Amino acid sequence: MIGEEDRRDHRRMQVSAEARMTWRSSGESVDVQLEDLSATGCSFVVQRETDPGVKVSVTVPSPDGRLQGLERHGRVVRCEPVDEAGGGWRVAIAFDPEGES
């Protein structure tokens, strides 16, 4: 049987990096801790639940001032509680294809 990771066109990298998520409808932003990142999406933990389908942007600052950071638009595809103790929400984002916003 093919595992989910084997079906992906782009491998996800496990990362631990600070990023910023912005709700595109309101402009409200929160800092998040990325857990994984690929060419087509990312996931992170945030303290606020958000609905699937909501449009967001994700910004990852460059660790080196000589390089441009990453900014991508996308939509929430999944939002699940991290645990029953109120540890936040694990959010998965699918990035819009390049050129779309």
PDB file of N, CA and C in Angstrom:
ATOM      1  N   MET A   1       0.841  -1.178   0.000  1.00  0.00           N
ATOM      2  CA  MET A   1       0.000   0.000   0.000  1.00  0.00           C
ATOM      3  C   MET A   1       0.888   1.244   0.000  1.00  0.00           C
ATOM      4  N   ILE A   2       0.511   2.240  -0.784  1.00  0.00           N
ATOM      5  CA  ILE A   2       1.285   3.475  -0.871  1.00  0.00           C
ATOM      6  C   ILE A   2       0.892   4.384   0.281  1.00  0.00           C
ATOM      7  N   GLY A   3       1.893   4.853   1.031  1.00  0.00           N
ATOM      8  CA  GLY A   3       1.639   5.766   2.133  1.00  0.00           C
ATOM      9  C   GLY A   3       1.386   7.167   1.627  1.00  0.00           C
ATOM     10  N   GLU A   4       0.801   8.004   2.497  1.00  0.00           N
ATOM     11  CA  GLU A   4       0.485   9.385   2.101  1.00  0.00           C
ATOM     12  C   GLU A   4       1.733  10.119   1.620  1.00  0.00           C
ATOM     13  N   GLU A   5       2.846   9.933   2.302  1.00  0.00           N
ATOM     14  CA  GLU A   5       4.083  10.625   1.922  1.00  0.00           C
ATOM     15  C   GLU A   5       4.538  10.198   0.530  1.00  0.00           C
ATOM     16  N   ASP A   6       4.306   8.937   0.152  1.00  0.00           N
ATOM     17  CA  ASP A   6       4.713   8.447  -1.160  1.00  0.00           C
ATOM     18  C   ASP A   6       3.838   8.977  -2.282  1.00  0.00           C
ATOM     19  N   ARG A   7       2.611   9.402  -1.962  1.00  0.00           N
ATOM     20  CA  ARG A   7       1.703   9.918  -2.984  1.00  0.00           C
ATOM     21  C   ARG A   7       1.955  11.389  -3.298  1.00  0.00           C
ATOM     22  N   ARG A   8       2.679  12.071  -2.466  1.00  0.00           N
ATOM     23  CA  ARG A   8       2.895  13.501  -2.654  1.00  0.00           C
ATOM     24  C   ARG A   8       3.817  13.771  -3.833  1.00  0.00           C
ATOM     25  N   ASP A   9       3.498  14.836  -4.579  1.00  0.00           N
ATOM     26  CA  ASP A   9       4.387  15.277  -5.645  1.00  0.00           C
ATOM     27  C   ASP A   9       5.605  15.994  -5.070  1.00  0.00           C
ATOM     28  N   HIS A  10       5.425  16.602  -3.893  1.00  0.00           N
ATOM     29  CA  HIS A  10       6.500  17.358  -3.252  1.00  0.00           C
ATOM     30  C   HIS A  10       6.656  16.862  -1.828  1.00  0.00           C
ATOM     31  N   ARG A  11       7.849  16.512  -1.451  1.00  0.00           N
ATOM     32  CA  ARG A  11       8.128  16.036  -0.093  1.00  0.00           C
ATOM     33  C   ARG A  11       7.978  17.164   0.910  1.00  0.00           C
ATOM     34  N   ARG A  12       7.463  16.834   2.078  1.00  0.00           N
ATOM     35  CA  ARG A  12       7.381  17.800   3.171  1.00  0.00           C
ATOM     36  C   ARG A  12       8.658  17.703   3.998  1.00  0.00           C
ATOM     37  N   MET A  13       9.173  18.857   4.346  1.00  0.00           N
ATOM     38  CA  MET A  13      10.340  18.920   5.222  1.00  0.00           C
ATOM     39  C   MET A  13       9.870  19.243   6.625  1.00  0.00           C
ATOM     40  N   GLN A  14      10.343  18.481   7.590  1.00  0.00           N
ATOM     41  CA  GLN A  14      10.057  18.793   8.981  1.00  0.00           C
ATOM     42  C   GLN A  14      10.909  20.009   9.341  1.00  0.00           C
ATOM     43  N   VAL A  15      10.275  21.062   9.815  1.00  0.00           N
ATOM     44  CA  VAL A  15      10.994  22.289  10.162  1.00  0.00           C
ATOM     45  C   VAL A  15      10.511  22.781  11.521  1.00  0.00           C
ATOM     46  N   SER A  16      11.303  23.617  12.096  1.00  0.00           N
ATOM     47  CA  SER A  16      10.907  24.342  13.290  1.00  0.00           C
ATOM     48  C   SER A  16      11.337  25.772  13.049  1.00  0.00           C
ATOM     49  N   ALA A  17      10.414  26.567  12.547  1.00  0.00           N
ATOM     50  CA  ALA A  17      10.733  27.947  12.193  1.00  0.00           C
ATOM     51  C   ALA A  17       9.556  28.846  12.528  1.00  0.00           C
ATOM     52  N   GLU A  18       9.865  30.072  12.905  1.00  0.00           N
ATOM     53  CA  GLU A  18       8.815  31.040  13.169  1.00  0.00           C
ATOM     54  C   GLU A  18       8.265  31.554  11.851  1.00  0.00           C
ATOM     55  N   ALA A  19       6.968  31.809  11.835  1.00  0.00           N
ATOM     56  CA  ALA A  19       6.305  32.345  10.652  1.00  0.00           C
ATOM     57  C   ALA A  19       5.158  33.227  11.131  1.00  0.00           C
ATOM     58  N   ARG A  20       4.494  33.839  10.192  1.00  0.00           N
ATOM     59  CA  ARG A  20       3.344  34.680  10.515  1.00  0.00           C
ATOM     60  C   ARG A  20       2.197  34.283   9.594  1.00  0.00           C
ATOM     61  N   MET A  21       1.015  34.034  10.185  1.00  0.00           N
ATOM     62  CA  MET A  21      -0.177  33.741   9.401  1.00  0.00           C
ATOM     63  C   MET A  21      -1.098  34.945   9.480  1.00  0.00           C
ATOM     64  N   THR A  22      -1.634  35.335   8.322  1.00  0.00           N
ATOM     65  CA  THR A  22      -2.558  36.466   8.252  1.00  0.00           C
ATOM     66  C   THR A  22      -3.856  36.013   7.611  1.00  0.00           C
ATOM     67  N   TRP A  23      -4.977  36.289   8.295  1.00  0.00           N
ATOM     68  CA  TRP A  23      -6.283  36.045   7.710  1.00  0.00           C
ATOM     69  C   TRP A  23      -6.511  37.126   6.666  1.00  0.00           C
ATOM     70  N   ARG A  24      -6.674  36.734   5.415  1.00  0.00           N
ATOM     71  CA  ARG A  24      -6.768  37.706   4.336  1.00  0.00           C
ATOM     72  C   ARG A  24      -8.054  38.516   4.388  1.00  0.00           C
ATOM     73  N   SER A  25      -9.122  37.995   4.960  1.00  0.00           N
ATOM     74  CA  SER A  25     -10.385  38.742   5.019  1.00  0.00           C
ATOM     75  C   SER A  25     -10.324  39.908   6.002  1.00  0.00           C
ATOM     76  N   SER A  26      -9.607  39.723   7.114  1.00  0.00           N
ATOM     77  CA  SER A  26      -9.579  40.759   8.151  1.00  0.00           C
ATOM     78  C   SER A  26      -8.233  41.463   8.277  1.00  0.00           C
ATOM     79  N   GLY A  27      -7.160  40.834   7.788  1.00  0.00           N
ATOM     80  CA  GLY A  27      -5.822  41.401   7.953  1.00  0.00           C
ATOM     81  C   GLY A  27      -5.200  41.091   9.302  1.00  0.00           C
ATOM     82  N   GLU A  28      -5.942  40.384  10.174  1.00  0.00           N
ATOM     83  CA  GLU A  28      -5.408  40.003  11.483  1.00  0.00           C
ATOM     84  C   GLU A  28      -4.276  38.994  11.297  1.00  0.00           C
ATOM     85  N   SER A  29      -3.204  39.143  12.079  1.00  0.00           N
ATOM     86  CA  SER A  29      -2.039  38.256  11.968  1.00  0.00           C
ATOM     87  C   SER A  29      -1.687  37.666  13.320  1.00  0.00           C
ATOM     88  N   VAL A  30      -1.105  36.459  13.279  1.00  0.00           N
ATOM     89  CA  VAL A  30      -0.585  35.821  14.483  1.00  0.00           C
ATOM     90  C   VAL A  30       0.751  35.152  14.145  1.00  0.00           C
ATOM     91  N   ASP A  31       1.623  35.103  15.138  1.00  0.00           N
ATOM     92  CA  ASP A  31       2.872  34.370  14.983  1.00  0.00           C
ATOM     93  C   ASP A  31       2.586  32.891  15.191  1.00  0.00           C
ATOM     94  N   VAL A  32       3.227  32.049  14.386  1.00  0.00           N
ATOM     95  CA  VAL A  32       3.042  30.601  14.469  1.00  0.00           C
ATOM     96  C   VAL A  32       4.401  29.924  14.409  1.00  0.00           C
ATOM     97  N   GLN A  33       4.438  28.674  14.798  1.00  0.00           N
ATOM     98  CA  GLN A  33       5.640  27.859  14.717  1.00  0.00           C
ATOM     99  C   GLN A  33       5.417  26.795  13.661  1.00  0.00           C
ATOM    100  N   LEU A  34       6.111  26.902  12.516  1.00  0.00           N
ATOM    101  CA  LEU A  34       5.963  25.912  11.455  1.00  0.00           C
ATOM    102  C   LEU A  34       6.415  24.552  11.942  1.00  0.00           C
ATOM    103  N   GLU A  35       5.701  23.511  11.513  1.00  0.00           N
ATOM    104  CA  GLU A  35       6.083  22.133  11.804  1.00  0.00           C
ATOM    105  C   GLU A  35       6.587  21.435  10.550  1.00  0.00           C
ATOM    106  N   ASP A  36       5.965  21.752   9.413  1.00  0.00           N
ATOM    107  CA  ASP A  36       6.466  21.205   8.157  1.00  0.00           C
ATOM    108  C   ASP A  36       6.152  22.166   7.019  1.00  0.00           C
ATOM    109  N   LEU A  37       6.886  21.976   5.926  1.00  0.00           N
ATOM    110  CA  LEU A  37       6.807  22.893   4.792  1.00  0.00           C
ATOM    111  C   LEU A  37       7.122  22.122   3.522  1.00  0.00           C
ATOM    112  N   SER A  38       6.339  22.386   2.469  1.00  0.00           N
ATOM    113  CA  SER A  38       6.636  21.819   1.162  1.00  0.00           C
ATOM    114  C   SER A  38       6.338  22.883   0.121  1.00  0.00           C
ATOM    115  N   ALA A  39       6.530  22.559  -1.135  1.00  0.00           N
ATOM    116  CA  ALA A  39       6.247  23.499  -2.211  1.00  0.00           C
ATOM    117  C   ALA A  39       4.757  23.792  -2.319  1.00  0.00           C
ATOM    118  N   THR A  40       3.909  22.906  -1.785  1.00  0.00           N
ATOM    119  CA  THR A  40       2.466  23.073  -1.954  1.00  0.00           C
ATOM    120  C   THR A  40       1.711  23.405  -0.670  1.00  0.00           C
ATOM    121  N   GLY A  41       2.392  23.451   0.476  1.00  0.00           N
ATOM    122  CA  GLY A  41       1.687  23.769   1.707  1.00  0.00           C
ATOM    123  C   GLY A  41       2.566  23.708   2.931  1.00  0.00           C
ATOM    124  N   CYS A  42       1.944  23.895   4.074  1.00  0.00           N
ATOM    125  CA  CYS A  42       2.669  23.854   5.347  1.00  0.00           C
ATOM    126  C   CYS A  42       1.686  23.528   6.454  1.00  0.00           C
ATOM    127  N   SER A  43       2.226  23.266   7.645  1.00  0.00           N
ATOM    128  CA  SER A  43       1.381  23.099   8.821  1.00  0.00           C
ATOM    129  C   SER A  43       2.078  23.730  10.014  1.00  0.00           C
ATOM    130  N   PHE A  44       1.255  24.117  10.989  1.00  0.00           N
ATOM    131  CA  PHE A  44       1.760  24.782  12.177  1.00  0.00           C
ATOM    132  C   PHE A  44       0.710  24.695  13.261  1.00  0.00           C
ATOM    133  N   VAL A  45       1.094  25.095  14.464  1.00  0.00           N
ATOM    134  CA  VAL A  45       0.166  25.144  15.586  1.00  0.00           C
ATOM    135  C   VAL A  45      -0.137  26.608  15.881  1.00  0.00           C
ATOM    136  N   VAL A  46      -1.414  26.886  16.077  1.00  0.00           N
ATOM    137  CA  VAL A  46      -1.876  28.235  16.403  1.00  0.00           C
ATOM    138  C   VAL A  46      -2.859  28.116  17.566  1.00  0.00           C
ATOM    139  N   GLN A  47      -3.053  29.175  18.313  1.00  0.00           N
ATOM    140  CA  GLN A  47      -3.908  29.122  19.495  1.00  0.00           C
ATOM    141  C   GLN A  47      -5.374  29.393  19.204  1.00  0.00           C
ATOM    142  N   ARG A  48      -5.716  29.648  17.950  1.00  0.00           N
ATOM    143  CA  ARG A  48      -7.096  29.969  17.596  1.00  0.00           C
ATOM    144  C   ARG A  48      -7.595  29.038  16.498  1.00  0.00           C
ATOM    145  N   GLU A  49      -8.772  28.480  16.681  1.00  0.00           N
ATOM    146  CA  GLU A  49      -9.363  27.620  15.659  1.00  0.00           C
ATOM    147  C   GLU A  49      -9.749  28.461  14.447  1.00  0.00           C
ATOM    148  N   THR A  50      -9.588  27.902  13.277  1.00  0.00           N
ATOM    149  CA  THR A  50     -10.011  28.564  12.042  1.00  0.00           C
ATOM    150  C   THR A  50     -10.662  27.525  11.133  1.00  0.00           C
ATOM    151  N   ASP A  51     -11.608  27.944  10.349  1.00  0.00           N
ATOM    152  CA  ASP A  51     -12.383  27.019   9.529  1.00  0.00           C
ATOM    153  C   ASP A  51     -11.669  26.635   8.243  1.00  0.00           C
ATOM    154  N   PRO A  52     -11.845  25.396   7.799  1.00  0.00           N
ATOM    155  CA  PRO A  52     -11.334  25.003   6.487  1.00  0.00           C
ATOM    156  C   PRO A  52     -11.928  25.904   5.400  1.00  0.00           C
ATOM    157  N   GLY A  53     -11.105  26.207   4.399  1.00  0.00           N
ATOM    158  CA  GLY A  53     -11.524  27.062   3.301  1.00  0.00           C
ATOM    159  C   GLY A  53     -11.171  28.519   3.481  1.00  0.00           C
ATOM    160  N   VAL A  54     -10.835  28.929   4.715  1.00  0.00           N
ATOM    161  CA  VAL A  54     -10.486  30.323   4.974  1.00  0.00           C
ATOM    162  C   VAL A  54      -9.184  30.660   4.253  1.00  0.00           C
ATOM    163  N   LYS A  55      -9.168  31.827   3.592  1.00  0.00           N
ATOM    164  CA  LYS A  55      -7.981  32.267   2.861  1.00  0.00           C
ATOM    165  C   LYS A  55      -7.015  32.971   3.804  1.00  0.00           C
ATOM    166  N   VAL A  56      -5.750  32.575   3.712  1.00  0.00           N
ATOM    167  CA  VAL A  56      -4.705  33.119   4.576  1.00  0.00           C
ATOM    168  C   VAL A  56      -3.453  33.401   3.749  1.00  0.00           C
ATOM    169  N   SER A  57      -2.528  34.108   4.350  1.00  0.00           N
ATOM    170  CA  SER A  57      -1.182  34.186   3.793  1.00  0.00           C
ATOM    171  C   SER A  57      -0.216  33.758   4.887  1.00  0.00           C
ATOM    172  N   VAL A  58       0.888  33.171   4.478  1.00  0.00           N
ATOM    173  CA  VAL A  58       1.913  32.700   5.398  1.00  0.00           C
ATOM    174  C   VAL A  58       3.225  33.359   5.000  1.00  0.00           C
ATOM    175  N   THR A  59       3.875  33.987   5.965  1.00  0.00           N
ATOM    176  CA  THR A  59       5.147  34.661   5.724  1.00  0.00           C
ATOM    177  C   THR A  59       6.216  34.037   6.613  1.00  0.00           C
ATOM    178  N   VAL A  60       7.315  33.620   5.994  1.00  0.00           N
ATOM    179  CA  VAL A  60       8.449  33.060   6.719  1.00  0.00           C
ATOM    180  C   VAL A  60       9.625  33.996   6.472  1.00  0.00           C
ATOM    181  N   PRO A  61      10.111  34.671   7.512  1.00  0.00           N
ATOM    182  CA  PRO A  61      11.229  35.584   7.303  1.00  0.00           C
ATOM    183  C   PRO A  61      12.509  34.826   6.966  1.00  0.00           C
ATOM    184  N   SER A  62      13.364  35.469   6.220  1.00  0.00           N
ATOM    185  CA  SER A  62      14.646  34.870   5.870  1.00  0.00           C
ATOM    186  C   SER A  62      15.585  34.920   7.077  1.00  0.00           C
ATOM    187  N   PRO A  63      16.331  33.850   7.321  1.00  0.00           N
ATOM    188  CA  PRO A  63      17.305  33.886   8.410  1.00  0.00           C
ATOM    189  C   PRO A  63      18.537  34.710   8.036  1.00  0.00           C
ATOM    190  N   ASP A  64      18.638  35.094   6.783  1.00  0.00           N
ATOM    191  CA  ASP A  64      19.784  35.853   6.273  1.00  0.00           C
ATOM    192  C   ASP A  64      19.239  37.074   5.535  1.00  0.00           C
ATOM    193  N   GLY A  65      19.600  38.256   5.980  1.00  0.00           N
ATOM    194  CA  GLY A  65      19.103  39.491   5.391  1.00  0.00           C
ATOM    195  C   GLY A  65      19.383  39.641   3.911  1.00  0.00           C
ATOM    196  N   ARG A  66      20.293  38.842   3.378  1.00  0.00           N
ATOM    197  CA  ARG A  66      20.619  38.928   1.942  1.00  0.00           C
ATOM    198  C   ARG A  66      19.643  38.142   1.086  1.00  0.00           C
ATOM    199  N   LEU A  67      18.851  37.280   1.716  1.00  0.00           N
ATOM    200  CA  LEU A  67      17.885  36.462   0.985  1.00  0.00           C
ATOM    201  C   LEU A  67      16.466  36.922   1.280  1.00  0.00           C
ATOM    202  N   GLN A  68      15.613  36.830   0.287  1.00  0.00           N
ATOM    203  CA  GLN A  68      14.215  37.182   0.459  1.00  0.00           C
ATOM    204  C   GLN A  68      13.491  36.080   1.221  1.00  0.00           C
ATOM    205  N   GLY A  69      12.599  36.463   2.121  1.00  0.00           N
ATOM    206  CA  GLY A  69      11.787  35.490   2.843  1.00  0.00           C
ATOM    207  C   GLY A  69      10.720  34.904   1.930  1.00  0.00           C
ATOM    208  N   LEU A  70       9.937  34.003   2.470  1.00  0.00           N
ATOM    209  CA  LEU A  70       8.868  33.349   1.729  1.00  0.00           C
ATOM    210  C   LEU A  70       7.539  33.974   2.120  1.00  0.00           C
ATOM    211  N   GLU A  71       6.716  34.300   1.134  1.00  0.00           N
ATOM    212  CA  GLU A  71       5.343  34.714   1.399  1.00  0.00           C
ATOM    213  C   GLU A  71       4.452  34.032   0.379  1.00  0.00           C
ATOM    214  N   ARG A  72       3.487  33.269   0.874  1.00  0.00           N
ATOM    215  CA  ARG A  72       2.576  32.531  -0.003  1.00  0.00           C
ATOM    216  C   ARG A  72       1.142  32.703   0.475  1.00  0.00           C
ATOM    217  N   HIS A  73       0.223  32.783  -0.463  1.00  0.00           N
ATOM    218  CA  HIS A  73      -1.208  32.788  -0.176  1.00  0.00           C
ATOM    219  C   HIS A  73      -1.708  31.361  -0.252  1.00  0.00           C
ATOM    220  N   GLY A  74      -2.745  31.063   0.516  1.00  0.00           N
ATOM    221  CA  GLY A  74      -3.318  29.728   0.484  1.00  0.00           C
ATOM    222  C   GLY A  74      -4.641  29.694   1.210  1.00  0.00           C
ATOM    223  N   ARG A  75      -5.064  28.477   1.519  1.00  0.00           N
ATOM    224  CA  ARG A  75      -6.326  28.293   2.232  1.00  0.00           C
ATOM    225  C   ARG A  75      -6.148  27.178   3.258  1.00  0.00           C
ATOM    226  N   VAL A  76      -6.914  27.269   4.315  1.00  0.00           N
ATOM    227  CA  VAL A  76      -6.892  26.252   5.364  1.00  0.00           C
ATOM    228  C   VAL A  76      -7.591  24.993   4.829  1.00  0.00           C
ATOM    229  N   VAL A  77      -6.909  23.857   4.916  1.00  0.00           N
ATOM    230  CA  VAL A  77      -7.524  22.599   4.496  1.00  0.00           C
ATOM    231  C   VAL A  77      -7.899  21.721   5.689  1.00  0.00           C
ATOM    232  N   ARG A  78      -7.284  21.986   6.842  1.00  0.00           N
ATOM    233  CA  ARG A  78      -7.570  21.171   8.027  1.00  0.00           C
ATOM    234  C   ARG A  78      -7.199  21.971   9.274  1.00  0.00           C
ATOM    235  N   CYS A  79      -8.002  21.827  10.315  1.00  0.00           N
ATOM    236  CA  CYS A  79      -7.721  22.461  11.610  1.00  0.00           C
ATOM    237  C   CYS A  79      -8.201  21.492  12.677  1.00  0.00           C
ATOM    238  N   GLU A  80      -7.250  20.937  13.439  1.00  0.00           N
ATOM    239  CA  GLU A  80      -7.571  19.911  14.430  1.00  0.00           C
ATOM    240  C   GLU A  80      -6.961  20.281  15.774  1.00  0.00           C
ATOM    241  N   PRO A  81      -7.648  19.958  16.872  1.00  0.00           N
ATOM    242  CA  PRO A  81      -7.053  20.240  18.186  1.00  0.00           C
ATOM    243  C   PRO A  81      -5.760  19.439  18.370  1.00  0.00           C
ATOM    244  N   VAL A  82      -4.772  20.089  18.958  1.00  0.00           N
ATOM    245  CA  VAL A  82      -3.497  19.416  19.226  1.00  0.00           C
ATOM    246  C   VAL A  82      -3.686  18.358  20.302  1.00  0.00           C
ATOM    247  N   ASP A  83      -4.407  18.702  21.365  1.00  0.00           N
ATOM    248  CA  ASP A  83      -4.682  17.765  22.454  1.00  0.00           C
ATOM    249  C   ASP A  83      -5.914  18.246  23.208  1.00  0.00           C
ATOM    250  N   GLU A  84      -6.348  17.468  24.163  1.00  0.00           N
ATOM    251  CA  GLU A  84      -7.537  17.826  24.930  1.00  0.00           C
ATOM    252  C   GLU A  84      -7.246  18.864  26.003  1.00  0.00           C
ATOM    253  N   ALA A  85      -5.980  19.185  26.229  1.00  0.00           N
ATOM    254  CA  ALA A  85      -5.607  20.121  27.288  1.00  0.00           C
ATOM    255  C   ALA A  85      -5.545  21.569  26.802  1.00  0.00           C
ATOM    256  N   GLY A  86      -6.042  21.818  25.603  1.00  0.00           N
ATOM    257  CA  GLY A  86      -6.044  23.194  25.099  1.00  0.00           C
ATOM    258  C   GLY A  86      -4.701  23.646  24.561  1.00  0.00           C
ATOM    259  N   GLY A  87      -3.955  22.722  23.972  1.00  0.00           N
ATOM    260  CA  GLY A  87      -2.624  23.038  23.452  1.00  0.00           C
ATOM    261  C   GLY A  87      -2.624  23.712  22.101  1.00  0.00           C
ATOM    262  N   GLY A  88      -3.765  24.187  21.648  1.00  0.00           N
ATOM    263  CA  GLY A  88      -3.835  24.886  20.383  1.00  0.00           C
ATOM    264  C   GLY A  88      -4.443  24.029  19.287  1.00  0.00           C
ATOM    265  N   TRP A  89      -4.300  24.512  18.071  1.00  0.00           N
ATOM    266  CA  TRP A  89      -4.890  23.885  16.891  1.00  0.00           C
ATOM    267  C   TRP A  89      -3.808  23.662  15.853  1.00  0.00           C
ATOM    268  N   ARG A  90      -3.746  22.468  15.309  1.00  0.00           N
ATOM    269  CA  ARG A  90      -2.812  22.158  14.227  1.00  0.00           C
ATOM    270  C   ARG A  90      -3.522  22.493  12.916  1.00  0.00           C
ATOM    271  N   VAL A  91      -2.961  23.424  12.179  1.00  0.00           N
ATOM    272  CA  VAL A  91      -3.572  23.932  10.953  1.00  0.00           C
ATOM    273  C   VAL A  91      -2.720  23.515   9.759  1.00  0.00           C
ATOM    274  N   ALA A  92      -3.381  22.994   8.720  1.00  0.00           N
ATOM    275  CA  ALA A  92      -2.712  22.650   7.473  1.00  0.00           C
ATOM    276  C   ALA A  92      -3.171  23.623   6.395  1.00  0.00           C
ATOM    277  N   ILE A  93      -2.211  24.167   5.673  1.00  0.00           N
ATOM    278  CA  ILE A  93      -2.468  25.149   4.621  1.00  0.00           C
ATOM    279  C   ILE A  93      -2.057  24.556   3.280  1.00  0.00           C
ATOM    280  N   ALA A  94      -2.917  24.717   2.267  1.00  0.00           N
ATOM    281  CA  ALA A  94      -2.555  24.386   0.880  1.00  0.00           C
ATOM    282  C   ALA A  94      -2.291  25.713   0.185  1.00  0.00           C
ATOM    283  N   PHE A  95      -1.091  25.871  -0.356  1.00  0.00           N
ATOM    284  CA  PHE A  95      -0.754  27.109  -1.038  1.00  0.00           C
ATOM    285  C   PHE A  95      -1.489  27.210  -2.364  1.00  0.00           C
ATOM    286  N   ASP A  96      -1.871  28.435  -2.739  1.00  0.00           N
ATOM    287  CA  ASP A  96      -2.440  28.683  -4.060  1.00  0.00           C
ATOM    288  C   ASP A  96      -1.358  28.425  -5.098  1.00  0.00           C
ATOM    289  N   PRO A  97      -1.743  27.985  -6.286  1.00  0.00           N
ATOM    290  CA  PRO A  97      -0.745  27.847  -7.355  1.00  0.00           C
ATOM    291  C   PRO A  97      -0.071  29.191  -7.602  1.00  0.00           C
ATOM    292  N   GLU A  98       1.200  29.152  -8.003  1.00  0.00           N
ATOM    293  CA  GLU A  98       1.946  30.396  -8.274  1.00  0.00           C
ATOM    294  C   GLU A  98       1.142  31.285  -9.216  1.00  0.00           C
ATOM    295  N   GLY A  99       1.130  32.567  -8.943  1.00  0.00           N
ATOM    296  CA  GLY A  99       0.447  33.525  -9.795  1.00  0.00           C
ATOM    297  C   GLY A  99      -0.986  33.800  -9.390  1.00  0.00           C
ATOM    298  N   GLU A 100      -1.571  32.942  -8.537  1.00  0.00           N
ATOM    299  CA  GLU A 100      -2.925  33.176  -8.048  1.00  0.00           C
ATOM    300  C   GLU A 100      -2.852  33.903  -6.708  1.00  0.00           C
ATOM    301  N   SER A 101      -3.852  34.709  -6.429  1.00  0.00           N
ATOM    302  CA  SER A 101      -3.947  35.313  -5.102  1.00  0.00           C
ATOM    303  C   SER A 101      -5.335  35.589  -4.796  1.00  0.00           C
TER     304      SER A 101
END
